[in-house]
Amino acid sequence: MQEVIHYPNLKTMLMVEKVLKDAETTLTREEIKEKLPTQIMHQTLNVILDYMEQRGLILDGHKGVLWTHNDSPKLREAISKGTEI
């Protein structure tokens, strides 16, 4: 991995998270940057997306980035009550 010139702050990370959560389909990096209320360096966006992917919040594929995390209490309850086959 290359040296990081600029680390994101929490406000920037939350802005990217909101854009991804609100999207109904995959977004390219350029589309994410266009939807943000402020400009962001491409490398900073990559740092944010790498972090989110490592935490299992997004999928980053060749067609774009997709928010996949679901923090629904009903889903967690259903999973905990589920049975193995």
Protein backbone atom coordinates (compact mmCIF):
# COMPACT_ATOMS: atom_id res chain seq x y z
CA MET A 1 0.00 0.00 0.00
CA GLN A 2 1.25 3.46 -0.80
CA GLU A 3 1.93 6.13 1.80
CA VAL A 4 -1.19 8.03 2.86
CA ILE A 5 -0.83 11.77 2.32
CA HIS A 6 -4.09 12.81 3.99
CA TYR A 7 -6.15 10.81 6.45
CA PRO A 8 -9.91 11.47 6.51
CA ASN A 9 -11.63 13.05 9.48
CA LEU A 10 -14.82 11.65 11.02
CA LYS A 11 -17.05 14.22 9.29
CA THR A 12 -15.77 13.11 5.87
CA MET A 13 -16.20 9.43 6.71
CA LEU A 14 -19.80 10.03 7.83
CA MET A 15 -20.55 11.97 4.62
CA VAL A 16 -19.29 9.07 2.49
CA GLU A 17 -21.26 6.59 4.62
CA LYS A 18 -24.48 8.59 4.12
CA VAL A 19 -23.99 8.77 0.35
CA LEU A 20 -23.46 5.01 0.16
CA LYS A 21 -26.40 4.19 2.49
CA ASP A 22 -28.76 6.43 0.50
CA ALA A 23 -27.74 4.99 -2.88
CA GLU A 24 -30.09 2.41 -4.35
CA THR A 25 -27.42 0.87 -6.58
CA THR A 26 -23.66 0.69 -6.91
CA LEU A 27 -21.75 3.94 -7.25
CA THR A 28 -18.39 4.56 -8.89
CA ARG A 29 -15.80 6.55 -6.98
CA GLU A 30 -16.49 9.55 -9.22
CA GLU A 31 -20.24 9.33 -8.52
CA ILE A 32 -19.54 9.22 -4.78
CA LYS A 33 -17.35 12.32 -5.04
CA GLU A 34 -20.04 14.14 -7.07
CA LYS A 35 -22.70 13.40 -4.44
CA LEU A 36 -20.61 14.66 -1.52
CA PRO A 37 -21.38 18.20 -0.29
CA THR A 38 -17.64 19.04 -0.21
CA GLN A 39 -14.70 18.04 -2.36
CA ILE A 40 -12.54 15.10 -1.33
CA MET A 41 -9.17 13.89 -2.56
CA HIS A 42 -9.31 10.61 -4.48
CA GLN A 43 -6.71 9.05 -2.19
CA THR A 44 -8.72 10.05 0.90
CA LEU A 45 -11.82 8.42 -0.56
CA ASN A 46 -9.81 5.25 -1.21
CA VAL A 47 -8.67 5.19 2.43
CA ILE A 48 -12.30 5.49 3.59
CA LEU A 49 -13.52 2.78 1.21
CA ASP A 50 -10.68 0.43 2.21
CA TYR A 51 -11.59 0.92 5.88
CA MET A 52 -15.30 0.29 5.22
CA GLU A 53 -14.58 -2.80 3.14
CA GLN A 54 -12.30 -4.26 5.84
CA ARG A 55 -15.11 -3.75 8.39
CA GLY A 56 -17.66 -5.51 6.17
CA LEU A 57 -19.78 -2.42 5.56
CA ILE A 58 -19.42 -2.28 1.77
CA LEU A 59 -18.56 -4.36 -1.26
CA ASP A 60 -16.10 -2.75 -3.66
CA GLY A 61 -16.21 -4.42 -7.06
CA HIS A 62 -15.47 -3.65 -10.68
CA LYS A 63 -18.97 -2.19 -11.19
CA GLY A 64 -18.74 0.13 -8.20
CA VAL A 65 -19.22 0.38 -4.45
CA LEU A 66 -22.32 -0.94 -2.66
CA TRP A 67 -23.41 -0.51 0.98
CA THR A 68 -24.17 -3.98 2.37
CA HIS A 69 -24.22 -3.58 6.16
CA ASN A 70 -27.62 -4.12 7.80
CA ASP A 71 -27.93 -3.13 11.46
CA SER A 72 -31.60 -4.03 11.79
CA PRO A 73 -32.45 -5.36 15.29
CA LYS A 74 -35.10 -7.63 13.72
CA LEU A 75 -32.49 -9.19 11.43
CA ARG A 76 -30.07 -9.75 14.34
CA GLU A 77 -32.86 -11.37 16.37
CA ALA A 78 -33.86 -13.63 13.47
CA ILE A 79 -30.24 -14.71 12.98
CA SER A 80 -29.77 -15.45 16.69
CA LYS A 81 -32.95 -17.56 16.76
CA GLY A 82 -32.14 -19.36 13.52
CA THR A 83 -31.21 -23.01 13.34
CA GLU A 84 -28.37 -24.66 11.47
CA ILE A 85 -29.15 -27.14 8.73
